[in-house]
PDB file of N, CA and C in Angstrom:
ATOM      1  N   UNK A   1      87.766  98.935 104.575  1.00  0.00           N
ATOM      2  CA  UNK A   1      86.805  98.040 103.919  1.00  0.00           C
ATOM      3  C   UNK A   1      87.151  97.087 103.129  1.00  0.00           C
ATOM      4  N   UNK A   2      86.370  95.974 103.868  1.00  0.00           N
ATOM      5  CA  UNK A   2      86.416  94.827 102.723  1.00  0.00           C
ATOM      6  C   UNK A   2      85.295  93.950 101.803  1.00  0.00           C
ATOM      7  N   UNK A   3      86.334  93.580 100.983  1.00  0.00           N
ATOM      8  CA  UNK A   3      84.645  93.700  99.738  1.00  0.00           C
ATOM      9  C   UNK A   3      84.952  92.164  99.506  1.00  0.00           C
ATOM     10  N   UNK A   4      84.569  91.984  98.767  1.00  0.00           N
ATOM     11  CA  UNK A   4      84.413  89.962  99.041  1.00  0.00           C
ATOM     12  C   UNK A   4      83.062  90.234  97.360  1.00  0.00           C
ATOM     13  N   UNK A   5      83.677  90.402  96.407  1.00  0.00           N
ATOM     14  CA  UNK A   5      82.414  90.491  95.612  1.00  0.00           C
ATOM     15  C   UNK A   5      83.080  90.312  93.607  1.00  0.00           C
ATOM     16  N   UNK A   6      82.270  90.916  92.654  1.00  0.00           N
ATOM     17  CA  UNK A   6      82.936  91.740  91.102  1.00  0.00           C
ATOM     18  C   UNK A   6      83.663  92.586  91.433  1.00  0.00           C
ATOM     19  N   UNK A   7      84.596  93.325  90.986  1.00  0.00           N
ATOM     20  CA  UNK A   7      84.788  94.507  90.069  1.00  0.00           C
ATOM     21  C   UNK A   7      85.200  95.242  89.374  1.00  0.00           C
ATOM     22  N   UNK A   8      84.759  95.409  88.593  1.00  0.00           N
ATOM     23  CA  UNK A   8      85.059  95.536  87.094  1.00  0.00           C
ATOM     24  C   UNK A   8      85.493  97.257  86.666  1.00  0.00           C
ATOM     25  N   UNK A   9      86.536  97.459  85.565  1.00  0.00           N
ATOM     26  CA  UNK A   9      87.106  98.494  84.974  1.00  0.00           C
ATOM     27  C   UNK A   9      86.346  99.317  84.200  1.00  0.00           C
ATOM     28  N   UNK A  10      85.818 100.198  83.566  1.00  0.00           N
ATOM     29  CA  UNK A  10      85.176 101.047  82.703  1.00  0.00           C
ATOM     30  C   UNK A  10      86.156 102.672  83.189  1.00  0.00           C
ATOM     31  N   UNK A  11      86.047 102.778  81.323  1.00  0.00           N
ATOM     32  CA  UNK A  11      86.008 104.246  81.297  1.00  0.00           C
ATOM     33  C   UNK A  11      87.545 104.493  82.298  1.00  0.00           C
ATOM     34  N   UNK A  12      88.353 103.824  83.132  1.00  0.00           N
ATOM     35  CA  UNK A  12      89.277 104.777  84.163  1.00  0.00           C
ATOM     36  C   UNK A  12      89.317 104.352  85.073  1.00  0.00           C
ATOM     37  N   UNK A  13      88.094 104.073  85.381  1.00  0.00           N
ATOM     38  CA  UNK A  13      87.422 103.765  86.933  1.00  0.00           C
ATOM     39  C   UNK A  13      87.305 102.237  87.407  1.00  0.00           C
ATOM     40  N   UNK A  14      86.705 101.961  88.356  1.00  0.00           N
ATOM     41  CA  UNK A  14      86.697 100.562  88.336  1.00  0.00           C
ATOM     42  C   UNK A  14      85.481 101.076  89.607  1.00  0.00           C
ATOM     43  N   UNK A  15      84.777  99.593  89.508  1.00  0.00           N
ATOM     44  CA  UNK A  15      83.461  99.998  90.037  1.00  0.00           C
ATOM     45  C   UNK A  15      82.888  98.315  90.920  1.00  0.00           C
ATOM     46  N   UNK A  16      82.062  98.223  91.733  1.00  0.00           N
ATOM     47  CA  UNK A  16      81.468  97.286  91.625  1.00  0.00           C
ATOM     48  C   UNK A  16      80.951  96.800  91.315  1.00  0.00           C
ATOM     49  N   UNK A  17      80.960  95.609  90.444  1.00  0.00           N
ATOM     50  CA  UNK A  17      80.115  95.046  89.424  1.00  0.00           C
ATOM     51  C   UNK A  17      78.981  93.535  89.450  1.00  0.00           C
ATOM     52  N   UNK A  18      78.565  93.149  88.563  1.00  0.00           N
ATOM     53  CA  UNK A  18      77.842  91.788  88.329  1.00  0.00           C
ATOM     54  C   UNK A  18      77.792  91.683  87.148  1.00  0.00           C
ATOM     55  N   UNK A  19      78.326  90.504  86.090  1.00  0.00           N
ATOM     56  CA  UNK A  19      78.043  90.181  85.608  1.00  0.00           C
ATOM     57  C   UNK A  19      76.895  89.640  85.404  1.00  0.00           C
ATOM     58  N   UNK A  20      76.551  90.450  83.941  1.00  0.00           N
ATOM     59  CA  UNK A  20      75.146  89.536  83.869  1.00  0.00           C
ATOM     60  C   UNK A  20      74.736  88.886  82.024  1.00  0.00           C
ATOM     61  N   UNK A  21      75.177  88.008  81.511  1.00  0.00           N
ATOM     62  CA  UNK A  21      75.639  87.549  80.489  1.00  0.00           C
ATOM     63  C   UNK A  21      76.302  88.048  79.797  1.00  0.00           C
ATOM     64  N   UNK A  22      76.090  88.778  78.513  1.00  0.00           N
ATOM     65  CA  UNK A  22      77.075  89.870  78.194  1.00  0.00           C
ATOM     66  C   UNK A  22      76.861  90.811  78.889  1.00  0.00           C
ATOM     67  N   UNK A  23      76.607  91.297  79.476  1.00  0.00           N
ATOM     68  CA  UNK A  23      76.416  93.047  80.128  1.00  0.00           C
ATOM     69  C   UNK A  23      77.032  92.654  81.309  1.00  0.00           C
ATOM     70  N   UNK A  24      77.846  93.730  81.909  1.00  0.00           N
ATOM     71  CA  UNK A  24      78.328  93.905  83.280  1.00  0.00           C
ATOM     72  C   UNK A  24      77.343  94.933  83.778  1.00  0.00           C
ATOM     73  N   UNK A  25      76.635  94.694  84.958  1.00  0.00           N
ATOM     74  CA  UNK A  25      75.910  95.620  85.989  1.00  0.00           C
ATOM     75  C   UNK A  25      77.314  96.297  86.755  1.00  0.00           C
ATOM     76  N   UNK A  26      77.148  97.406  86.777  1.00  0.00           N
ATOM     77  CA  UNK A  26      78.615  98.729  87.167  1.00  0.00           C
ATOM     78  C   UNK A  26      77.974  99.134  88.431  1.00  0.00           C
ATOM     79  N   UNK A  27      78.046  99.433  89.801  1.00  0.00           N
ATOM     80  CA  UNK A  27      77.826 100.061  91.070  1.00  0.00           C
ATOM     81  C   UNK A  27      78.539 101.095  90.778  1.00  0.00           C
ATOM     82  N   UNK A  28      77.509 102.461  92.040  1.00  0.00           N
ATOM     83  CA  UNK A  28      78.232 103.499  92.437  1.00  0.00           C
ATOM     84  C   UNK A  28      77.071 103.667  93.650  1.00  0.00           C
ATOM     85  N   UNK A  29      77.822 105.008  94.837  1.00  0.00           N
ATOM     86  CA  UNK A  29      77.488 105.500  95.419  1.00  0.00           C
ATOM     87  C   UNK A  29      76.453 106.425  95.255  1.00  0.00           C
ATOM     88  N   UNK A  30      76.718 106.881  94.357  1.00  0.00           N
ATOM     89  CA  UNK A  30      76.142 108.632  93.633  1.00  0.00           C
ATOM     90  C   UNK A  30      75.656 108.207  92.433  1.00  0.00           C
ATOM     91  N   UNK A  31      74.721 109.599  92.177  1.00  0.00           N
ATOM     92  CA  UNK A  31      74.350 109.641  90.872  1.00  0.00           C
ATOM     93  C   UNK A  31      75.085 109.794  89.638  1.00  0.00           C
ATOM     94  N   UNK A  32      75.223 109.136  88.668  1.00  0.00           N
ATOM     95  CA  UNK A  32      75.984 109.168  87.533  1.00  0.00           C
ATOM     96  C   UNK A  32      75.677 109.449  86.635  1.00  0.00           C
ATOM     97  N   UNK A  33      76.085 109.633  84.963  1.00  0.00           N
ATOM     98  CA  UNK A  33      75.333 109.929  83.755  1.00  0.00           C
ATOM     99  C   UNK A  33      75.292 108.766  83.365  1.00  0.00           C
ATOM    100  N   UNK A  34      73.781 108.529  83.066  1.00  0.00           N
ATOM    101  CA  UNK A  34      73.967 106.513  82.730  1.00  0.00           C
ATOM    102  C   UNK A  34      73.599 105.697  83.833  1.00  0.00           C
ATOM    103  N   UNK A  35      73.600 106.068  85.121  1.00  0.00           N
ATOM    104  CA  UNK A  35      73.231 104.958  86.201  1.00  0.00           C
ATOM    105  C   UNK A  35      72.067 105.269  86.625  1.00  0.00           C
ATOM    106  N   UNK A  36      71.076 105.029  87.054  1.00  0.00           N
ATOM    107  CA  UNK A  36      69.867 104.824  88.170  1.00  0.00           C
ATOM    108  C   UNK A  36      69.405 104.413  89.231  1.00  0.00           C
ATOM    109  N   UNK A  37      69.038 104.881  89.487  1.00  0.00           N
ATOM    110  CA  UNK A  37      68.795 104.594  91.304  1.00  0.00           C
ATOM    111  C   UNK A  37      68.034 103.951  91.519  1.00  0.00           C
ATOM    112  N   UNK A  38      68.714 102.308  92.131  1.00  0.00           N
ATOM    113  CA  UNK A  38      67.970 100.611  92.039  1.00  0.00           C
ATOM    114  C   UNK A  38      67.560 101.269  94.078  1.00  0.00           C
ATOM    115  N   UNK A  39      67.559 101.737  94.800  1.00  0.00           N
ATOM    116  CA  UNK A  39      67.684 102.269  96.116  1.00  0.00           C
ATOM    117  C   UNK A  39      68.121 103.189  96.906  1.00  0.00           C
ATOM    118  N   UNK A  40      68.594 104.409  97.671  1.00  0.00           N
ATOM    119  CA  UNK A  40      69.241 104.988  98.322  1.00  0.00           C
ATOM    120  C   UNK A  40      70.179 104.719  98.034  1.00  0.00           C
ATOM    121  N   UNK A  41      71.391 105.316  97.527  1.00  0.00           N
ATOM    122  CA  UNK A  41      72.769 104.849  98.100  1.00  0.00           C
ATOM    123  C   UNK A  41      73.053 104.463  97.379  1.00  0.00           C
ATOM    124  N   UNK A  42      72.763 103.235  95.834  1.00  0.00           N
ATOM    125  CA  UNK A  42      73.493 102.506  95.411  1.00  0.00           C
ATOM    126  C   UNK A  42      72.488 102.705  93.632  1.00  0.00           C
ATOM    127  N   UNK A  43      73.430 103.393  93.030  1.00  0.00           N
ATOM    128  CA  UNK A  43      73.326 103.238  91.420  1.00  0.00           C
ATOM    129  C   UNK A  43      73.640 102.160  90.724  1.00  0.00           C
ATOM    130  N   UNK A  44      73.334 101.913  89.572  1.00  0.00           N
ATOM    131  CA  UNK A  44      73.476 100.924  88.898  1.00  0.00           C
ATOM    132  C   UNK A  44      73.362 101.091  87.015  1.00  0.00           C
ATOM    133  N   UNK A  45      74.013 100.826  86.467  1.00  0.00           N
ATOM    134  CA  UNK A  45      74.418 101.460  84.966  1.00  0.00           C
ATOM    135  C   UNK A  45      74.704  99.497  84.621  1.00  0.00           C
ATOM    136  N   UNK A  46      74.083  99.493  83.533  1.00  0.00           N
ATOM    137  CA  UNK A  46      74.513  98.195  82.728  1.00  0.00           C
ATOM    138  C   UNK A  46      75.066  98.937  81.336  1.00  0.00           C
ATOM    139  N   UNK A  47      76.339  97.913  80.949  1.00  0.00           N
ATOM    140  CA  UNK A  47      76.763  98.592  79.758  1.00  0.00           C
ATOM    141  C   UNK A  47      77.205  96.280  79.081  1.00  0.00           C
ATOM    142  N   UNK A  48      78.109  97.037  77.954  1.00  0.00           N
ATOM    143  CA  UNK A  48      78.750  95.699  77.584  1.00  0.00           C
ATOM    144  C   UNK A  48      80.259  95.349  78.067  1.00  0.00           C
ATOM    145  N   UNK A  49      79.627  93.829  78.005  1.00  0.00           N
ATOM    146  CA  UNK A  49      81.109  93.489  78.343  1.00  0.00           C
ATOM    147  C   UNK A  49      82.189  93.421  77.786  1.00  0.00           C
ATOM    148  N   UNK A  50      81.989  93.658  76.704  1.00  0.00           N
ATOM    149  CA  UNK A  50      82.947  93.899  75.816  1.00  0.00           C
ATOM    150  C   UNK A  50      83.535  95.752  75.385  1.00  0.00           C
ATOM    151  N   UNK A  51      82.764  96.082  76.953  1.00  0.00           N
ATOM    152  CA  UNK A  51      83.455  97.775  77.089  1.00  0.00           C
ATOM    153  C   UNK A  51      84.228  97.861  78.315  1.00  0.00           C
ATOM    154  N   UNK A  52      84.060  97.040  78.963  1.00  0.00           N
ATOM    155  CA  UNK A  52      85.008  95.872  80.289  1.00  0.00           C
ATOM    156  C   UNK A  52      86.261  96.172  80.046  1.00  0.00           C
ATOM    157  N   UNK A  53      87.100  96.769  80.852  1.00  0.00           N
ATOM    158  CA  UNK A  53      88.728  97.143  80.851  1.00  0.00           C
ATOM    159  C   UNK A  53      88.845  95.603  80.869  1.00  0.00           C
ATOM    160  N   UNK A  54      88.294  95.311  82.931  1.00  0.00           N
ATOM    161  CA  UNK A  54      88.722  94.289  83.691  1.00  0.00           C
ATOM    162  C   UNK A  54      87.744  93.787  84.382  1.00  0.00           C
ATOM    163  N   UNK A  55      87.171  92.902  84.663  1.00  0.00           N
ATOM    164  CA  UNK A  55      86.269  91.718  85.277  1.00  0.00           C
ATOM    165  C   UNK A  55      87.174  91.023  86.379  1.00  0.00           C
ATOM    166  N   UNK A  56      87.150  91.077  87.650  1.00  0.00           N
ATOM    167  CA  UNK A  56      87.265  89.878  88.218  1.00  0.00           C
ATOM    168  C   UNK A  56      86.844  90.004  89.714  1.00  0.00           C
ATOM    169  N   UNK A  57      86.971  88.858  90.672  1.00  0.00           N
ATOM    170  CA  UNK A  57      86.389  88.717  91.592  1.00  0.00           C
ATOM    171  C   UNK A  57      87.510  89.088  92.530  1.00  0.00           C
ATOM    172  N   UNK A  58      86.656  89.649  93.586  1.00  0.00           N
ATOM    173  CA  UNK A  58      88.016  90.122  95.228  1.00  0.00           C
ATOM    174  C   UNK A  58      87.387  89.641  96.126  1.00  0.00           C
ATOM    175  N   UNK A  59      88.014  89.171  96.465  1.00  0.00           N
ATOM    176  CA  UNK A  59      88.086  88.694  97.966  1.00  0.00           C
ATOM    177  C   UNK A  59      88.838  88.674  99.137  1.00  0.00           C
ATOM    178  N   UNK A  60      88.485  89.195 100.242  1.00  0.00           N
ATOM    179  CA  UNK A  60      89.516  90.129 101.068  1.00  0.00           C
ATOM    180  C   UNK A  60      89.703  88.231 101.978  1.00  0.00           C
ATOM    181  N   UNK A  61      91.075  88.389 103.041  1.00  0.00           N
ATOM    182  CA  UNK A  61      91.305  87.592 103.661  1.00  0.00           C
ATOM    183  C   UNK A  61      91.966  87.540 104.927  1.00  0.00           C
ATOM    184  N   UNK A  62      92.378  87.058 105.374  1.00  0.00           N
ATOM    185  CA  UNK A  62      93.099  86.905 106.336  1.00  0.00           C
ATOM    186  C   UNK A  62      93.628  85.792 107.574  1.00  0.00           C
ATOM    187  N   UNK A  63      94.612  86.183 108.260  1.00  0.00           N
ATOM    188  CA  UNK A  63      94.936  85.083 109.358  1.00  0.00           C
ATOM    189  C   UNK A  63      94.510  85.070 110.799  1.00  0.00           C
ATOM    190  N   UNK A  64      93.419  83.814 111.355  1.00  0.00           N
ATOM    191  CA  UNK A  64      92.927  84.020 112.449  1.00  0.00           C
ATOM    192  C   UNK A  64      93.548  83.027 114.182  1.00  0.00           C
ATOM    193  N   UNK A  65      94.530  83.330 114.309  1.00  0.00           N
ATOM    194  CA  UNK A  65      94.668  82.383 115.755  1.00  0.00           C
ATOM    195  C   UNK A  65      94.988  81.472 114.339  1.00  0.00           C
ATOM    196  N   UNK A  66      96.283  81.775 113.770  1.00  0.00           N
ATOM    197  CA  UNK A  66      96.942  81.330 112.420  1.00  0.00           C
ATOM    198  C   UNK A  66      95.896  80.238 111.655  1.00  0.00           C
ATOM    199  N   UNK A  67      95.095  80.755 111.589  1.00  0.00           N
ATOM    200  CA  UNK A  67      93.922  79.663 110.435  1.00  0.00           C
ATOM    201  C   UNK A  67      93.440  80.795 109.574  1.00  0.00           C
ATOM    202  N   UNK A  68      93.187  80.151 108.231  1.00  0.00           N
ATOM    203  CA  UNK A  68      93.325  80.852 107.326  1.00  0.00           C
ATOM    204  C   UNK A  68      91.488  81.572 106.844  1.00  0.00           C
ATOM    205  N   UNK A  69      91.433  82.716 107.085  1.00  0.00           N
ATOM    206  CA  UNK A  69      89.748  82.665 106.722  1.00  0.00           C
ATOM    207  C   UNK A  69      89.257  84.081 105.711  1.00  0.00           C
ATOM    208  N   UNK A  70      88.415  83.597 105.187  1.00  0.00           N
ATOM    209  CA  UNK A  70      87.905  85.415 104.218  1.00  0.00           C
ATOM    210  C   UNK A  70      86.311  85.816 105.288  1.00  0.00           C
ATOM    211  N   UNK A  71      86.910  87.258 104.445  1.00  0.00           N
ATOM    212  CA  UNK A  71      86.375  88.238 105.342  1.00  0.00           C
ATOM    213  C   UNK A  71      85.494  88.819 104.219  1.00  0.00           C
ATOM    214  N   UNK A  72      83.837  87.954 105.031  1.00  0.00           N
ATOM    215  CA  UNK A  72      82.559  88.834 104.998  1.00  0.00           C
ATOM    216  C   UNK A  72      82.052  89.728 104.947  1.00  0.00           C
ATOM    217  N   UNK A  73      82.776  90.804 106.421  1.00  0.00           N
ATOM    218  CA  UNK A  73      82.103  91.630 105.953  1.00  0.00           C
ATOM    219  C   UNK A  73      83.030  91.987 107.790  1.00  0.00           C
ATOM    220  N   UNK A  74      82.082  93.595 107.850  1.00  0.00           N
ATOM    221  CA  UNK A  74      82.914  94.372 109.091  1.00  0.00           C
ATOM    222  C   UNK A  74      81.734  94.577 109.601  1.00  0.00           C
ATOM    223  N   UNK A  75      82.246  94.916 111.429  1.00  0.00           N
ATOM    224  CA  UNK A  75      81.246  95.932 111.760  1.00  0.00           C
ATOM    225  C   UNK A  75      81.142  96.349 112.918  1.00  0.00           C
ATOM    226  N   UNK A  76      81.471  97.691 113.522  1.00  0.00           N
ATOM    227  CA  UNK A  76      81.957  98.126 114.996  1.00  0.00           C
ATOM    228  C   UNK A  76      82.898  97.218 116.141  1.00  0.00           C
ATOM    229  N   UNK A  77      84.338  97.335 115.233  1.00  0.00           N
ATOM    230  CA  UNK A  77      85.513  96.623 115.138  1.00  0.00           C
ATOM    231  C   UNK A  77      85.685  94.822 115.341  1.00  0.00           C
ATOM    232  N   UNK A  78      84.702  94.231 114.394  1.00  0.00           N
ATOM    233  CA  UNK A  78      85.236  92.572 114.502  1.00  0.00           C
ATOM    234  C   UNK A  78      84.765  92.644 113.094  1.00  0.00           C
ATOM    235  N   UNK A  79      85.320  91.036 112.681  1.00  0.00           N
ATOM    236  CA  UNK A  79      85.349  90.575 111.028  1.00  0.00           C
ATOM    237  C   UNK A  79      84.426  89.296 111.413  1.00  0.00           C
ATOM    238  N   UNK A  80      83.121  89.430 110.151  1.00  0.00           N
ATOM    239  CA  UNK A  80      82.501  89.005 110.123  1.00  0.00           C
ATOM    240  C   UNK A  80      83.802  87.965 108.950  1.00  0.00           C
ATOM    241  N   UNK A  81      83.843  86.032 109.644  1.00  0.00           N
ATOM    242  CA  UNK A  81      84.810  85.533 109.121  1.00  0.00           C
ATOM    243  C   UNK A  81      84.491  84.575 108.194  1.00  0.00           C
ATOM    244  N   UNK A  82      84.767  83.066 107.150  1.00  0.00           N
ATOM    245  CA  UNK A  82      84.342  81.925 107.293  1.00  0.00           C
ATOM    246  C   UNK A  82      85.970  81.795 106.773  1.00  0.00           C
ATOM    247  N   UNK A  83      85.879  80.288 107.685  1.00  0.00           N
ATOM    248  CA  UNK A  83      87.360  79.451 108.065  1.00  0.00           C
ATOM    249  C   UNK A  83      86.943  78.634 106.530  1.00  0.00           C
ATOM    250  N   UNK A  84      88.982  78.800 106.076  1.00  0.00           N
ATOM    251  CA  UNK A  84      89.162  78.107 104.487  1.00  0.00           C
ATOM    252  C   UNK A  84      90.017  77.855 105.034  1.00  0.00           C
ATOM    253  N   UNK A  85      90.117  76.586 106.333  1.00  0.00           N
ATOM    254  CA  UNK A  85      91.465  75.545 105.936  1.00  0.00           C
ATOM    255  C   UNK A  85      90.665  74.212 105.464  1.00  0.00           C
ATOM    256  N   UNK A  86      89.054  74.306 105.086  1.00  0.00           N
ATOM    257  CA  UNK A  86      89.118  72.467 105.909  1.00  0.00           C
ATOM    258  C   UNK A  86      89.106  71.703 106.470  1.00  0.00           C
ATOM    259  N   UNK A  87      89.171  72.050 107.835  1.00  0.00           N
ATOM    260  CA  UNK A  87      89.180  71.176 108.559  1.00  0.00           C
ATOM    261  C   UNK A  87      88.362  71.109 109.775  1.00  0.00           C
ATOM    262  N   UNK A  88      87.233  70.819 109.964  1.00  0.00           N
ATOM    263  CA  UNK A  88      86.010  70.671 110.731  1.00  0.00           C
ATOM    264  C   UNK A  88      86.543  70.557 112.353  1.00  0.00           C
ATOM    265  N   UNK A  89      87.482  69.683 112.964  1.00  0.00           N
ATOM    266  CA  UNK A  89      87.697  69.798 113.952  1.00  0.00           C
ATOM    267  C   UNK A  89      88.686  71.196 114.591  1.00  0.00           C
ATOM    268  N   UNK A  90      89.123  71.522 113.831  1.00  0.00           N
ATOM    269  CA  UNK A  90      90.186  73.670 114.376  1.00  0.00           C
ATOM    270  C   UNK A  90      88.835  74.575 114.462  1.00  0.00           C
ATOM    271  N   UNK A  91      87.448  74.576 112.865  1.00  0.00           N
ATOM    272  CA  UNK A  91      86.599  74.966 113.071  1.00  0.00           C
ATOM    273  C   UNK A  91      86.706  74.973 114.941  1.00  0.00           C
ATOM    274  N   UNK A  92      85.911  73.040 115.145  1.00  0.00           N
ATOM    275  CA  UNK A  92      84.854  73.257 116.220  1.00  0.00           C
ATOM    276  C   UNK A  92      85.370  73.457 117.133  1.00  0.00           C
ATOM    277  N   UNK A  93      86.647  73.545 117.068  1.00  0.00           N
ATOM    278  CA  UNK A  93      87.629  73.411 118.298  1.00  0.00           C
ATOM    279  C   UNK A  93      87.714  75.285 118.815  1.00  0.00           C
ATOM    280  N   UNK A  94      87.663  75.800 117.462  1.00  0.00           N
ATOM    281  CA  UNK A  94      88.072  77.823 117.619  1.00  0.00           C
ATOM    282  C   UNK A  94      86.743  78.144 117.948  1.00  0.00           C
ATOM    283  N   UNK A  95      84.961  77.079 117.944  1.00  0.00           N
ATOM    284  CA  UNK A  95      83.630  78.173 118.517  1.00  0.00           C
ATOM    285  C   UNK A  95      83.302  78.491 117.250  1.00  0.00           C
ATOM    286  N   UNK A  96      83.676  78.090 116.154  1.00  0.00           N
ATOM    287  CA  UNK A  96      82.658  78.572 114.931  1.00  0.00           C
ATOM    288  C   UNK A  96      81.597  78.175 115.093  1.00  0.00           C
ATOM    289  N   UNK A  97      80.431  78.505 114.397  1.00  0.00           N
ATOM    290  CA  UNK A  97      78.929  78.254 113.464  1.00  0.00           C
ATOM    291  C   UNK A  97      79.512  77.592 112.817  1.00  0.00           C
ATOM    292  N   UNK A  98      78.215  76.329 112.441  1.00  0.00           N
ATOM    293  CA  UNK A  98      78.548  75.787 111.279  1.00  0.00           C
ATOM    294  C   UNK A  98      77.498  76.088 110.488  1.00  0.00           C
ATOM    295  N   UNK A  99      77.529  77.065 109.276  1.00  0.00           N
ATOM    296  CA  UNK A  99      76.296  78.012 108.552  1.00  0.00           C
ATOM    297  C   UNK A  99      75.850  76.833 107.379  1.00  0.00           C
ATOM    298  N   UNK A 100      76.717  75.895 107.050  1.00  0.00           N
ATOM    299  CA  UNK A 100      76.187  75.275 106.191  1.00  0.00           C
ATOM    300  C   UNK A 100      77.116  73.588 106.040  1.00  0.00           C
ATOM    301  N   UNK A 101      76.921  72.464 105.585  1.00  0.00           N
ATOM    302  CA  UNK A 101      78.189  71.512 105.465  1.00  0.00           C
ATOM    303  C   UNK A 101      79.218  72.271 105.001  1.00  0.00           C
ATOM    304  N   UNK A 102      80.398  71.752 106.082  1.00  0.00           N
ATOM    305  CA  UNK A 102      81.519  72.057 106.408  1.00  0.00           C
ATOM    306  C   UNK A 102      81.644  73.509 105.213  1.00  0.00           C
ATOM    307  N   UNK A 103      80.823  74.369 106.004  1.00  0.00           N
ATOM    308  CA  UNK A 103      81.315  76.323 106.030  1.00  0.00           C
ATOM    309  C   UNK A 103      80.600  76.516 107.580  1.00  0.00           C
ATOM    310  N   UNK A 104      82.276  77.369 107.841  1.00  0.00           N
ATOM    311  CA  UNK A 104      81.607  77.114 109.096  1.00  0.00           C
ATOM    312  C   UNK A 104      82.111  79.009 109.571  1.00  0.00           C
ATOM    313  N   UNK A 105      81.798  79.829 110.126  1.00  0.00           N
ATOM    314  CA  UNK A 105      81.455  81.344 110.227  1.00  0.00           C
ATOM    315  C   UNK A 105      81.964  81.640 111.249  1.00  0.00           C
ATOM    316  N   UNK A 106      82.135  83.152 111.632  1.00  0.00           N
ATOM    317  CA  UNK A 106      82.136  83.747 113.207  1.00  0.00           C
ATOM    318  C   UNK A 106      82.404  85.309 113.333  1.00  0.00           C
ATOM    319  N   UNK A 107      83.251  85.780 114.551  1.00  0.00           N
ATOM    320  CA  UNK A 107      82.954  86.964 114.089  1.00  0.00           C
ATOM    321  C   UNK A 107      84.304  87.362 114.905  1.00  0.00           C
ATOM    322  N   UNK A 108      85.614  87.766 114.791  1.00  0.00           N
ATOM    323  CA  UNK A 108      86.634  87.990 115.134  1.00  0.00           C
ATOM    324  C   UNK A 108      86.730  89.193 115.050  1.00  0.00           C
ATOM    325  N   UNK A 109      87.717  89.333 116.872  1.00  0.00           N
ATOM    326  CA  UNK A 109      88.273  90.628 116.939  1.00  0.00           C
ATOM    327  C   UNK A 109      88.848  91.711 116.094  1.00  0.00           C
ATOM    328  N   UNK A 110      88.610  93.002 114.883  1.00  0.00           N
ATOM    329  CA  UNK A 110      89.176  93.336 113.859  1.00  0.00           C
ATOM    330  C   UNK A 110      90.355  93.542 114.422  1.00  0.00           C
ATOM    331  N   UNK A 111      91.316  93.363 115.739  1.00  0.00           N
ATOM    332  CA  UNK A 111      92.812  93.739 116.488  1.00  0.00           C
ATOM    333  C   UNK A 111      93.362  92.158 117.111  1.00  0.00           C
ATOM    334  N   UNK A 112      92.861  91.201 116.175  1.00  0.00           N
ATOM    335  CA  UNK A 112      93.550  89.642 116.865  1.00  0.00           C
ATOM    336  C   UNK A 112      93.743  89.510 114.784  1.00  0.00           C
ATOM    337  N   UNK A 113      92.876  90.123 114.309  1.00  0.00           N
ATOM    338  CA  UNK A 113      93.435  89.697 112.814  1.00  0.00           C
ATOM    339  C   UNK A 113      94.186  90.391 112.162  1.00  0.00           C
ATOM    340  N   UNK A 114      95.323  88.748 111.491  1.00  0.00           N
ATOM    341  CA  UNK A 114      96.257  89.334 111.025  1.00  0.00           C
ATOM    342  C   UNK A 114      96.781  88.982 109.350  1.00  0.00           C
ATOM    343  N   UNK A 115      97.735  89.650 109.042  1.00  0.00           N
ATOM    344  CA  UNK A 115      97.226  89.492 106.855  1.00  0.00           C
ATOM    345  C   UNK A 115      96.594  89.749 106.304  1.00  0.00           C
ATOM    346  N   UNK A 116      95.996  90.327 106.731  1.00  0.00           N
ATOM    347  CA  UNK A 116      95.020  91.049 105.870  1.00  0.00           C
ATOM    348  C   UNK A 116      94.962  91.547 104.404  1.00  0.00           C
ATOM    349  N   UNK A 117      94.213  91.607 103.454  1.00  0.00           N
ATOM    350  CA  UNK A 117      94.715  91.196 101.973  1.00  0.00           C
ATOM    351  C   UNK A 117      93.661  91.165 101.442  1.00  0.00           C
ATOM    352  N   UNK A 118      93.691  92.329 100.403  1.00  0.00           N
ATOM    353  CA  UNK A 118      92.718  91.330  98.874  1.00  0.00           C
ATOM    354  C   UNK A 118      93.645  90.472  97.802  1.00  0.00           C
ATOM    355  N   UNK A 119      92.559  90.314  97.382  1.00  0.00           N
ATOM    356  CA  UNK A 119      92.887  88.655  96.403  1.00  0.00           C
ATOM    357  C   UNK A 119      92.000  89.117  95.745  1.00  0.00           C
ATOM    358  N   UNK A 120      92.771  88.226  94.371  1.00  0.00           N
ATOM    359  CA  UNK A 120      92.193  88.744  92.945  1.00  0.00           C
ATOM    360  C   UNK A 120      91.763  87.153  92.717  1.00  0.00           C
ATOM    361  N   UNK A 121      90.632  86.643  92.162  1.00  0.00           N
ATOM    362  CA  UNK A 121      90.803  85.452  92.463  1.00  0.00           C
ATOM    363  C   UNK A 121      89.766  84.670  91.141  1.00  0.00           C
TER     364      UNK A 121
END
């Protein structure tokens, strides 16, 4: 499971999270006390930021063909990756798509990726 987004620790448990001013939105896949269903399999609870023990941005990174990438998603043995090396000739040579100005993405076979790790940024 790759993660790219905020996580918060609240009452001893870690949740997917979203900062919202003085509050933090906590998300979980199952019903729970104080959690409201926003769509099937997604429940949210808003708590004061002061009650949250830790709030951090977690990003999954990897190396593919010797180059640094951020992992955005995974699907059927493939990873959606974004090149973080900042060198467009390298991105072009790897056949990556220009997603936005200076942003290059592609699909990497998961078995070709190395150094898969989570980082708090």
